[in-house]
Amino acid sequence: MDLLELMRSAGRVVKPLLPRAIEHGLKEVFHSFILPMTYWVERGDRQILQQWNISAAPPPALRHRVNGAPSLNSFLQIGRTNCESILKGLNMLGKGLSGSVLDFGCGSGRTLIWLDQRKSPDTRLLGCDVDREAVEWVNRNLGAVAIVNNHQPPLPYGESSIDILYSISVFTHLSERVQTAWLSEFQRIVKPGGAILISVHSSRSIAKLSSALRQKLEQHGHLHEDQSYVRARKIVGAEYNNSYHTREYIDEQWGKRFEIAGWVEMNMQDIVVMRRPGSS
């Protein structure tokens, strides 16, 4: 176990014993001061890339923004799992990785790195994110065209111009108001019959909530919990917290816009597999 993982393991043991205010304060100290000093323990990136047969990966600071840690192995492992889960979801819809494919909230390409390897000649990979530095890395290093978007719609894509849209670890943080706005935008830009795949917190994640928060979630169907993401909010916006959904909420609310074909179970997040009604 390396130094970083040792500190994380200690944090998981101590966290339940701390008052909430102290927990948030210590988390900010960890991410602001301690974590940057542990980047030196991440060695051998070139060898790791060779082992994974990947040509390039973002620097530790960008990996940390999307992965919560600078570990290259973890970044690549999660990205590959995301890729495989998206392909599984497309298979549910009878689709392959073809046409225009938009990664909404692409970050530094954690998932795009793998889709870049799986794409066919007629696949056009696109990405968008509020993090300009991450978008610039994607455009320099991957076979995708990424743009910087605002925190609110619209996106600079034409009506019914996207064949496949997926979003990983974005709707797990947005408020209900912001999610509703983006779902409306997805209706506009995804082609009739096109695929929409969105990750949400899984039942495993929900089980880690306090009984009071789980009860609140069951009552309302959606929970937007303040996690004091002070550093992240500087990049991704003031409403960035943790969001949770019940399946009944998604069936009722998201089902008003899209046909829900099923779910792809992962670990702490699952993917809702949907289709825009109509035919292209």
C-alpha atoms as a PDB file:
ATOM      1  CA  MET A   1       0.000   0.000   0.000  1.00  0.00           C
ATOM      2  CA  ASP A   2       1.477   3.360  -1.034  1.00  0.00           C
ATOM      3  CA  LEU A   3       1.436   6.550   1.031  1.00  0.00           C
ATOM      4  CA  LEU A   4      -1.599   8.006  -0.682  1.00  0.00           C
ATOM      5  CA  GLU A   5      -3.735   4.902  -0.210  1.00  0.00           C
ATOM      6  CA  LEU A   6      -2.578   4.622   3.415  1.00  0.00           C
ATOM      7  CA  MET A   7      -3.829   8.161   4.088  1.00  0.00           C
ATOM      8  CA  ARG A   8      -7.125   7.437   2.342  1.00  0.00           C
ATOM      9  CA  SER A   9      -7.619   4.255   4.394  1.00  0.00           C
ATOM     10  CA  ALA A  10      -6.959   6.168   7.604  1.00  0.00           C
ATOM     11  CA  GLY A  11      -9.460   8.807   6.496  1.00  0.00           C
ATOM     12  CA  ARG A  12     -12.172   6.203   5.931  1.00  0.00           C
ATOM     13  CA  VAL A  13     -11.672   4.914   9.488  1.00  0.00           C
ATOM     14  CA  VAL A  14     -11.682   8.335  11.137  1.00  0.00           C
ATOM     15  CA  LYS A  15     -14.454   9.963   9.060  1.00  0.00           C
ATOM     16  CA  PRO A  16     -17.467   8.425  10.909  1.00  0.00           C
ATOM     17  CA  LEU A  17     -16.073   9.668  14.223  1.00  0.00           C
ATOM     18  CA  LEU A  18     -15.785  13.337  13.226  1.00  0.00           C
ATOM     19  CA  PRO A  19     -18.370  16.120  13.425  1.00  0.00           C
ATOM     20  CA  ARG A  20     -19.430  17.178   9.934  1.00  0.00           C
ATOM     21  CA  ALA A  21     -17.795  20.631  10.096  1.00  0.00           C
ATOM     22  CA  ILE A  22     -14.445  19.175  11.145  1.00  0.00           C
ATOM     23  CA  GLU A  23     -14.691  16.467   8.461  1.00  0.00           C
ATOM     24  CA  HIS A  24     -15.152  19.094   5.734  1.00  0.00           C
ATOM     25  CA  GLY A  25     -12.292  21.186   7.108  1.00  0.00           C
ATOM     26  CA  LEU A  26      -9.897  18.249   7.127  1.00  0.00           C
ATOM     27  CA  LYS A  27     -10.977  17.254   3.628  1.00  0.00           C
ATOM     28  CA  GLU A  28     -10.120  20.725   2.347  1.00  0.00           C
ATOM     29  CA  VAL A  29      -6.682  20.574   4.035  1.00  0.00           C
ATOM     30  CA  PHE A  30      -6.058  17.155   2.491  1.00  0.00           C
ATOM     31  CA  HIS A  31      -6.944  18.246  -1.048  1.00  0.00           C
ATOM     32  CA  SER A  32      -5.328  21.681  -0.829  1.00  0.00           C
ATOM     33  CA  PHE A  33      -2.028  20.868   0.846  1.00  0.00           C
ATOM     34  CA  ILE A  34      -1.375  17.186   1.588  1.00  0.00           C
ATOM     35  CA  LEU A  35      -2.456  15.624  -1.701  1.00  0.00           C
ATOM     36  CA  PRO A  36      -0.274  17.845  -3.928  1.00  0.00           C
ATOM     37  CA  MET A  37       2.746  16.804  -1.853  1.00  0.00           C
ATOM     38  CA  THR A  38       2.020  13.121  -2.556  1.00  0.00           C
ATOM     39  CA  TYR A  39       2.286  13.468  -6.339  1.00  0.00           C
ATOM     40  CA  TRP A  40       5.929  12.482  -6.110  1.00  0.00           C
ATOM     41  CA  VAL A  41       4.908   8.933  -5.138  1.00  0.00           C
ATOM     42  CA  GLU A  42       3.307   8.454  -8.576  1.00  0.00           C
ATOM     43  CA  ARG A  43       6.259   7.028 -10.493  1.00  0.00           C
ATOM     44  CA  GLY A  44       6.735   5.186 -13.728  1.00  0.00           C
ATOM     45  CA  ASP A  45       3.929   6.756 -15.785  1.00  0.00           C
ATOM     46  CA  ARG A  46       5.654   5.731 -19.012  1.00  0.00           C
ATOM     47  CA  GLN A  47       5.832   2.095 -17.936  1.00  0.00           C
ATOM     48  CA  ILE A  48       2.191   2.150 -16.812  1.00  0.00           C
ATOM     49  CA  LEU A  49       1.062   3.558 -20.149  1.00  0.00           C
ATOM     50  CA  GLN A  50       2.963   0.806 -21.946  1.00  0.00           C
ATOM     51  CA  GLN A  51       1.317  -1.842 -19.785  1.00  0.00           C
ATOM     52  CA  TRP A  52      -2.132  -0.470 -20.644  1.00  0.00           C
ATOM     53  CA  ASN A  53      -1.195   0.102 -24.302  1.00  0.00           C
ATOM     54  CA  ILE A  54      -2.148   3.772 -24.004  1.00  0.00           C
ATOM     55  CA  SER A  55      -0.111   6.460 -25.745  1.00  0.00           C
ATOM     56  CA  ALA A  56      -0.813   9.425 -23.467  1.00  0.00           C
ATOM     57  CA  ALA A  57      -2.485  10.326 -20.189  1.00  0.00           C
ATOM     58  CA  PRO A  58      -3.090  13.694 -18.529  1.00  0.00           C
ATOM     59  CA  PRO A  59      -0.732  14.953 -15.803  1.00  0.00           C
ATOM     60  CA  PRO A  60      -1.448  14.123 -12.136  1.00  0.00           C
ATOM     61  CA  ALA A  61      -3.241  17.406 -11.402  1.00  0.00           C
ATOM     62  CA  LEU A  62      -5.784  16.829 -14.177  1.00  0.00           C
ATOM     63  CA  ARG A  63      -6.219  13.169 -13.226  1.00  0.00           C
ATOM     64  CA  HIS A  64      -6.932  14.235  -9.677  1.00  0.00           C
ATOM     65  CA  ARG A  65      -9.713  16.617 -10.750  1.00  0.00           C
ATOM     66  CA  VAL A  66     -11.804  13.834 -12.258  1.00  0.00           C
ATOM     67  CA  ASN A  67     -10.586  10.847 -10.271  1.00  0.00           C
ATOM     68  CA  GLY A  68     -10.085  12.225  -6.766  1.00  0.00           C
ATOM     69  CA  ALA A  69      -6.449  11.047  -6.825  1.00  0.00           C
ATOM     70  CA  PRO A  70      -3.413  11.347  -9.101  1.00  0.00           C
ATOM     71  CA  SER A  71      -3.020   7.578  -9.540  1.00  0.00           C
ATOM     72  CA  LEU A  72      -2.570   6.738 -13.221  1.00  0.00           C
ATOM     73  CA  ASN A  73      -3.577   3.101 -12.756  1.00  0.00           C
ATOM     74  CA  SER A  74      -6.837   4.135 -11.098  1.00  0.00           C
ATOM     75  CA  PHE A  75      -7.538   6.759 -13.775  1.00  0.00           C
ATOM     76  CA  LEU A  76      -7.102   4.198 -16.554  1.00  0.00           C
ATOM     77  CA  GLN A  77      -8.965   1.411 -14.764  1.00  0.00           C
ATOM     78  CA  ILE A  78     -12.045   3.552 -14.122  1.00  0.00           C
ATOM     79  CA  GLY A  79     -11.937   4.961 -17.638  1.00  0.00           C
ATOM     80  CA  ARG A  80     -11.872   1.476 -19.139  1.00  0.00           C
ATOM     81  CA  THR A  81     -14.786   0.388 -16.934  1.00  0.00           C
ATOM     82  CA  ASN A  82     -16.739   3.447 -18.068  1.00  0.00           C
ATOM     83  CA  CYS A  83     -15.995   2.629 -21.708  1.00  0.00           C
ATOM     84  CA  GLU A  84     -17.062  -1.002 -21.384  1.00  0.00           C
ATOM     85  CA  SER A  85     -20.250   0.016 -19.558  1.00  0.00           C
ATOM     86  CA  ILE A  86     -21.142   2.537 -22.275  1.00  0.00           C
ATOM     87  CA  LEU A  87     -20.636  -0.094 -24.972  1.00  0.00           C
ATOM     88  CA  LYS A  88     -22.819  -2.479 -22.980  1.00  0.00           C
ATOM     89  CA  GLY A  89     -25.518   0.182 -22.744  1.00  0.00           C
ATOM     90  CA  LEU A  90     -25.355   0.836 -26.489  1.00  0.00           C
ATOM     91  CA  ASN A  91     -25.733  -2.875 -27.067  1.00  0.00           C
ATOM     92  CA  MET A  92     -28.982  -2.766 -25.062  1.00  0.00           C
ATOM     93  CA  LEU A  93     -30.220  -0.235 -27.612  1.00  0.00           C
ATOM     94  CA  GLY A  94     -28.990  -2.273 -30.562  1.00  0.00           C
ATOM     95  CA  LYS A  95     -26.354   0.332 -31.347  1.00  0.00           C
ATOM     96  CA  GLY A  96     -22.602   0.393 -31.866  1.00  0.00           C
ATOM     97  CA  LEU A  97     -20.035   3.133 -31.417  1.00  0.00           C
ATOM     98  CA  SER A  98     -20.732   5.074 -34.600  1.00  0.00           C
ATOM     99  CA  GLY A  99     -21.798   8.518 -35.723  1.00  0.00           C
ATOM    100  CA  SER A 100     -21.339  11.600 -33.534  1.00  0.00           C
ATOM    101  CA  VAL A 101     -20.581  10.643 -29.920  1.00  0.00           C
ATOM    102  CA  LEU A 102     -20.603  13.395 -27.267  1.00  0.00           C
ATOM    103  CA  ASP A 103     -18.952  13.027 -23.859  1.00  0.00           C
ATOM    104  CA  PHE A 104     -20.815  15.592 -21.735  1.00  0.00           C
ATOM    105  CA  GLY A 105     -18.413  16.481 -18.929  1.00  0.00           C
ATOM    106  CA  CYS A 106     -15.427  14.837 -20.616  1.00  0.00           C
ATOM    107  CA  GLY A 107     -12.837  16.217 -18.180  1.00  0.00           C
ATOM    108  CA  SER A 108      -9.353  15.220 -19.265  1.00  0.00           C
ATOM    109  CA  GLY A 109     -10.623  12.288 -21.315  1.00  0.00           C
ATOM    110  CA  ARG A 110     -10.770   9.508 -18.743  1.00  0.00           C
ATOM    111  CA  THR A 111     -13.396   7.703 -20.843  1.00  0.00           C
ATOM    112  CA  LEU A 112     -12.526   9.199 -24.240  1.00  0.00           C
ATOM    113  CA  ILE A 113      -9.038   7.680 -24.037  1.00  0.00           C
ATOM    114  CA  TRP A 114     -10.611   4.230 -24.305  1.00  0.00           C
ATOM    115  CA  LEU A 115     -13.354   5.073 -26.781  1.00  0.00           C
ATOM    116  CA  ASP A 116     -10.644   6.533 -29.003  1.00  0.00           C
ATOM    117  CA  GLN A 117      -9.243   3.005 -29.256  1.00  0.00           C
ATOM    118  CA  ARG A 118     -12.641   1.415 -29.982  1.00  0.00           C
ATOM    119  CA  LYS A 119     -14.030   3.892 -32.512  1.00  0.00           C
ATOM    120  CA  SER A 120     -14.796   2.916 -36.102  1.00  0.00           C
ATOM    121  CA  PRO A 121     -13.922   5.001 -39.179  1.00  0.00           C
ATOM    122  CA  ASP A 122     -17.357   6.639 -39.104  1.00  0.00           C
ATOM    123  CA  THR A 123     -17.174   7.578 -35.407  1.00  0.00           C
ATOM    124  CA  ARG A 124     -16.771  11.254 -34.555  1.00  0.00           C
ATOM    125  CA  LEU A 125     -15.781  11.709 -30.914  1.00  0.00           C
ATOM    126  CA  LEU A 126     -16.803  14.995 -29.284  1.00  0.00           C
ATOM    127  CA  GLY A 127     -16.391  16.314 -25.781  1.00  0.00           C
ATOM    128  CA  CYS A 128     -17.423  19.283 -23.678  1.00  0.00           C
ATOM    129  CA  ASP A 129     -16.513  20.425 -20.192  1.00  0.00           C
ATOM    130  CA  VAL A 130     -16.339  23.559 -18.054  1.00  0.00           C
ATOM    131  CA  ASP A 131     -12.653  22.867 -17.274  1.00  0.00           C
ATOM    132  CA  ARG A 132     -10.681  24.703 -19.967  1.00  0.00           C
ATOM    133  CA  GLU A 133      -7.324  23.126 -19.054  1.00  0.00           C
ATOM    134  CA  ALA A 134      -8.767  19.614 -19.300  1.00  0.00           C
ATOM    135  CA  VAL A 135     -10.418  20.377 -22.654  1.00  0.00           C
ATOM    136  CA  GLU A 136      -7.151  21.725 -24.035  1.00  0.00           C
ATOM    137  CA  TRP A 137      -5.370  18.497 -23.042  1.00  0.00           C
ATOM    138  CA  VAL A 138      -8.032  16.391 -24.805  1.00  0.00           C
ATOM    139  CA  ASN A 139      -7.704  18.396 -28.003  1.00  0.00           C
ATOM    140  CA  ARG A 140      -3.918  18.088 -28.001  1.00  0.00           C
ATOM    141  CA  ASN A 141      -3.704  14.386 -27.242  1.00  0.00           C
ATOM    142  CA  LEU A 142      -6.841  12.472 -28.286  1.00  0.00           C
ATOM    143  CA  GLY A 143      -8.756  11.874 -31.479  1.00  0.00           C
ATOM    144  CA  ALA A 144     -11.685  13.949 -30.246  1.00  0.00           C
ATOM    145  CA  VAL A 145     -12.875  17.513 -30.699  1.00  0.00           C
ATOM    146  CA  ALA A 146     -13.691  19.071 -27.333  1.00  0.00           C
ATOM    147  CA  ILE A 147     -15.098  22.465 -26.440  1.00  0.00           C
ATOM    148  CA  VAL A 148     -15.486  24.501 -23.244  1.00  0.00           C
ATOM    149  CA  ASN A 149     -19.137  24.890 -22.293  1.00  0.00           C
ATOM    150  CA  ASN A 150     -20.901  27.128 -19.803  1.00  0.00           C
ATOM    151  CA  HIS A 151     -22.494  25.889 -16.601  1.00  0.00           C
ATOM    152  CA  GLN A 152     -25.923  26.311 -18.188  1.00  0.00           C
ATOM    153  CA  PRO A 153     -27.280  25.423 -21.667  1.00  0.00           C
ATOM    154  CA  PRO A 154     -27.143  25.803 -24.579  1.00  0.00           C
ATOM    155  CA  LEU A 155     -24.352  23.808 -26.175  1.00  0.00           C
ATOM    156  CA  PRO A 156     -22.985  24.856 -29.580  1.00  0.00           C
ATOM    157  CA  TYR A 157     -24.427  21.835 -31.374  1.00  0.00           C
ATOM    158  CA  GLY A 158     -27.284  21.883 -33.835  1.00  0.00           C
ATOM    159  CA  GLU A 159     -30.720  20.409 -33.228  1.00  0.00           C
ATOM    160  CA  SER A 160     -30.771  16.608 -33.649  1.00  0.00           C
ATOM    161  CA  SER A 161     -27.042  16.548 -34.455  1.00  0.00           C
ATOM    162  CA  ILE A 162     -25.767  13.967 -31.918  1.00  0.00           C
ATOM    163  CA  ASP A 163     -26.174  10.208 -32.336  1.00  0.00           C
ATOM    164  CA  ILE A 164     -24.889   9.184 -28.895  1.00  0.00           C
ATOM    165  CA  LEU A 165     -24.546  11.275 -25.746  1.00  0.00           C
ATOM    166  CA  TYR A 166     -23.111   9.962 -22.501  1.00  0.00           C
ATOM    167  CA  SER A 167     -22.291  11.652 -19.218  1.00  0.00           C
ATOM    168  CA  ILE A 168     -20.272  10.053 -16.421  1.00  0.00           C
ATOM    169  CA  SER A 169     -19.988  11.532 -12.901  1.00  0.00           C
ATOM    170  CA  VAL A 170     -21.806  14.754 -13.796  1.00  0.00           C
ATOM    171  CA  PHE A 171     -25.447  14.213 -12.831  1.00  0.00           C
ATOM    172  CA  THR A 172     -24.123  12.749  -9.586  1.00  0.00           C
ATOM    173  CA  HIS A 173     -23.205  16.325  -8.610  1.00  0.00           C
ATOM    174  CA  LEU A 174     -25.699  18.734 -10.205  1.00  0.00           C
ATOM    175  CA  SER A 175     -28.773  20.226  -8.560  1.00  0.00           C
ATOM    176  CA  GLU A 176     -32.208  19.167  -9.777  1.00  0.00           C
ATOM    177  CA  ARG A 177     -32.737  22.575 -11.407  1.00  0.00           C
ATOM    178  CA  VAL A 178     -29.513  22.347 -13.406  1.00  0.00           C
ATOM    179  CA  GLN A 179     -30.141  18.710 -14.329  1.00  0.00           C
ATOM    180  CA  THR A 180     -33.576  19.585 -15.709  1.00  0.00           C
ATOM    181  CA  ALA A 181     -32.070  22.303 -17.881  1.00  0.00           C
ATOM    182  CA  TRP A 182     -29.457  19.936 -19.313  1.00  0.00           C
ATOM    183  CA  LEU A 183     -31.978  17.162 -19.948  1.00  0.00           C
ATOM    184  CA  SER A 184     -33.979  19.628 -22.029  1.00  0.00           C
ATOM    185  CA  GLU A 185     -30.820  20.481 -23.957  1.00  0.00           C
ATOM    186  CA  PHE A 186     -30.127  16.785 -24.559  1.00  0.00           C
ATOM    187  CA  GLN A 187     -33.621  16.488 -26.024  1.00  0.00           C
ATOM    188  CA  ARG A 188     -32.726  19.237 -28.454  1.00  0.00           C
ATOM    189  CA  ILE A 189     -29.331  18.025 -29.666  1.00  0.00           C
ATOM    190  CA  VAL A 190     -29.733  14.221 -29.677  1.00  0.00           C
ATOM    191  CA  LYS A 191     -31.289  12.749 -32.813  1.00  0.00           C
ATOM    192  CA  PRO A 192     -34.653  10.975 -32.603  1.00  0.00           C
ATOM    193  CA  GLY A 193     -33.792   7.364 -31.815  1.00  0.00           C
ATOM    194  CA  GLY A 194     -30.414   8.469 -30.484  1.00  0.00           C
ATOM    195  CA  ALA A 195     -28.824   7.170 -27.283  1.00  0.00           C
ATOM    196  CA  ILE A 196     -28.495   9.011 -23.958  1.00  0.00           C
ATOM    197  CA  LEU A 197     -26.480   7.307 -21.205  1.00  0.00           C
ATOM    198  CA  ILE A 198     -26.148   9.047 -17.830  1.00  0.00           C
ATOM    199  CA  SER A 199     -24.481   7.771 -14.670  1.00  0.00           C
ATOM    200  CA  VAL A 200     -26.129   8.196 -11.262  1.00  0.00           C
ATOM    201  CA  HIS A 201     -25.185   7.086  -7.768  1.00  0.00           C
ATOM    202  CA  SER A 202     -25.863   3.386  -7.273  1.00  0.00           C
ATOM    203  CA  SER A 203     -27.651   1.652  -4.406  1.00  0.00           C
ATOM    204  CA  ARG A 204     -24.209   1.021  -2.895  1.00  0.00           C
ATOM    205  CA  SER A 205     -23.580   4.752  -2.738  1.00  0.00           C
ATOM    206  CA  ILE A 206     -27.035   5.431  -1.342  1.00  0.00           C
ATOM    207  CA  ALA A 207     -26.454   2.827   1.377  1.00  0.00           C
ATOM    208  CA  LYS A 208     -23.543   4.919   2.669  1.00  0.00           C
ATOM    209  CA  LEU A 209     -25.836   7.880   3.399  1.00  0.00           C
ATOM    210  CA  SER A 210     -27.112   8.488   6.906  1.00  0.00           C
ATOM    211  CA  SER A 211     -30.574   7.142   7.692  1.00  0.00           C
ATOM    212  CA  ALA A 212     -31.916  10.714   7.784  1.00  0.00           C
ATOM    213  CA  LEU A 213     -30.583  11.471   4.291  1.00  0.00           C
ATOM    214  CA  ARG A 214     -31.841   8.154   2.910  1.00  0.00           C
ATOM    215  CA  GLN A 215     -35.286   8.964   4.293  1.00  0.00           C
ATOM    216  CA  LYS A 216     -35.157  12.407   2.679  1.00  0.00           C
ATOM    217  CA  LEU A 217     -34.158  10.808  -0.621  1.00  0.00           C
ATOM    218  CA  GLU A 218     -37.039   8.342  -0.466  1.00  0.00           C
ATOM    219  CA  GLN A 219     -39.477  11.162   0.242  1.00  0.00           C
ATOM    220  CA  HIS A 220     -38.393  13.428  -2.574  1.00  0.00           C
ATOM    221  CA  GLY A 221     -36.787  11.036  -5.080  1.00  0.00           C
ATOM    222  CA  HIS A 222     -33.827  13.389  -5.510  1.00  0.00           C
ATOM    223  CA  LEU A 223     -31.271  14.528  -2.936  1.00  0.00           C
ATOM    224  CA  HIS A 224     -28.714  17.283  -3.464  1.00  0.00           C
ATOM    225  CA  GLU A 225     -26.363  17.005  -0.474  1.00  0.00           C
ATOM    226  CA  ASP A 226     -23.862  19.711   0.452  1.00  0.00           C
ATOM    227  CA  GLN A 227     -20.364  18.193   0.472  1.00  0.00           C
ATOM    228  CA  SER A 228     -18.437  21.471   0.607  1.00  0.00           C
ATOM    229  CA  TYR A 229     -16.531  20.931  -2.630  1.00  0.00           C
ATOM    230  CA  VAL A 230     -14.788  24.261  -2.174  1.00  0.00           C
ATOM    231  CA  ARG A 231     -11.963  23.656  -4.641  1.00  0.00           C
ATOM    232  CA  ALA A 232     -14.103  21.939  -7.271  1.00  0.00           C
ATOM    233  CA  ARG A 233     -16.634  24.759  -7.258  1.00  0.00           C
ATOM    234  CA  LYS A 234     -13.984  27.173  -8.447  1.00  0.00           C
ATOM    235  CA  ILE A 235     -14.019  25.255 -11.745  1.00  0.00           C
ATOM    236  CA  VAL A 236     -17.369  23.516 -12.035  1.00  0.00           C
ATOM    237  CA  GLY A 237     -19.730  26.007 -10.422  1.00  0.00           C
ATOM    238  CA  ALA A 238     -21.363  26.995  -7.140  1.00  0.00           C
ATOM    239  CA  GLU A 239     -24.036  24.259  -7.181  1.00  0.00           C
ATOM    240  CA  TYR A 240     -21.561  21.373  -7.319  1.00  0.00           C
ATOM    241  CA  ASN A 241     -22.440  18.910  -4.544  1.00  0.00           C
ATOM    242  CA  ASN A 242     -23.483  15.249  -4.402  1.00  0.00           C
ATOM    243  CA  SER A 243     -26.788  14.261  -6.011  1.00  0.00           C
ATOM    244  CA  TYR A 244     -28.719  11.041  -5.557  1.00  0.00           C
ATOM    245  CA  HIS A 245     -31.799   9.678  -7.331  1.00  0.00           C
ATOM    246  CA  THR A 246     -34.242   6.871  -6.682  1.00  0.00           C
ATOM    247  CA  ARG A 247     -35.072   4.658  -9.641  1.00  0.00           C
ATOM    248  CA  GLU A 248     -38.713   5.615  -9.256  1.00  0.00           C
ATOM    249  CA  TYR A 249     -37.775   9.282  -9.662  1.00  0.00           C
ATOM    250  CA  ILE A 250     -35.791   8.581 -12.825  1.00  0.00           C
ATOM    251  CA  ASP A 251     -38.578   6.447 -14.278  1.00  0.00           C
ATOM    252  CA  GLU A 252     -41.110   9.203 -13.610  1.00  0.00           C
ATOM    253  CA  GLN A 253     -39.124  12.363 -14.352  1.00  0.00           C
ATOM    254  CA  TRP A 254     -36.567  11.317 -16.956  1.00  0.00           C
ATOM    255  CA  GLY A 255     -39.107   8.944 -18.485  1.00  0.00           C
ATOM    256  CA  LYS A 256     -41.173  11.983 -19.513  1.00  0.00           C
ATOM    257  CA  ARG A 257     -38.412  12.896 -21.974  1.00  0.00           C
ATOM    258  CA  PHE A 258     -36.718   9.646 -22.951  1.00  0.00           C
ATOM    259  CA  GLU A 259     -37.469   5.951 -23.291  1.00  0.00           C
ATOM    260  CA  ILE A 260     -35.599   4.150 -20.513  1.00  0.00           C
ATOM    261  CA  ALA A 261     -34.205   0.903 -21.908  1.00  0.00           C
ATOM    262  CA  GLY A 262     -32.418  -0.350 -18.801  1.00  0.00           C
ATOM    263  CA  TRP A 263     -29.491   0.074 -16.451  1.00  0.00           C
ATOM    264  CA  VAL A 264     -25.835  -0.913 -16.570  1.00  0.00           C
ATOM    265  CA  GLU A 265     -24.613  -1.637 -13.053  1.00  0.00           C
ATOM    266  CA  MET A 266     -21.050  -0.642 -12.250  1.00  0.00           C
ATOM    267  CA  ASN A 267     -19.964  -0.011  -8.667  1.00  0.00           C
ATOM    268  CA  MET A 268     -20.632   3.260  -6.877  1.00  0.00           C
ATOM    269  CA  GLN A 269     -22.418   4.561  -9.966  1.00  0.00           C
ATOM    270  CA  ASP A 270     -24.758   2.921 -12.468  1.00  0.00           C
ATOM    271  CA  ILE A 271     -25.667   4.058 -15.979  1.00  0.00           C
ATOM    272  CA  VAL A 272     -29.241   4.850 -17.030  1.00  0.00           C
ATOM    273  CA  VAL A 273     -29.611   3.748 -20.657  1.00  0.00           C
ATOM    274  CA  MET A 274     -32.133   5.820 -22.617  1.00  0.00           C
ATOM    275  CA  ARG A 275     -33.295   6.547 -26.140  1.00  0.00           C
ATOM    276  CA  ARG A 276     -34.770   9.769 -27.505  1.00  0.00           C
ATOM    277  CA  PRO A 277     -38.243   8.883 -28.797  1.00  0.00           C
ATOM    278  CA  GLY A 278     -38.769   8.811 -32.538  1.00  0.00           C
ATOM    279  CA  SER A 279     -36.732   7.476 -35.404  1.00  0.00           C
ATOM    280  CA  SER A 280     -33.917   9.116 -37.316  1.00  0.00           C
END
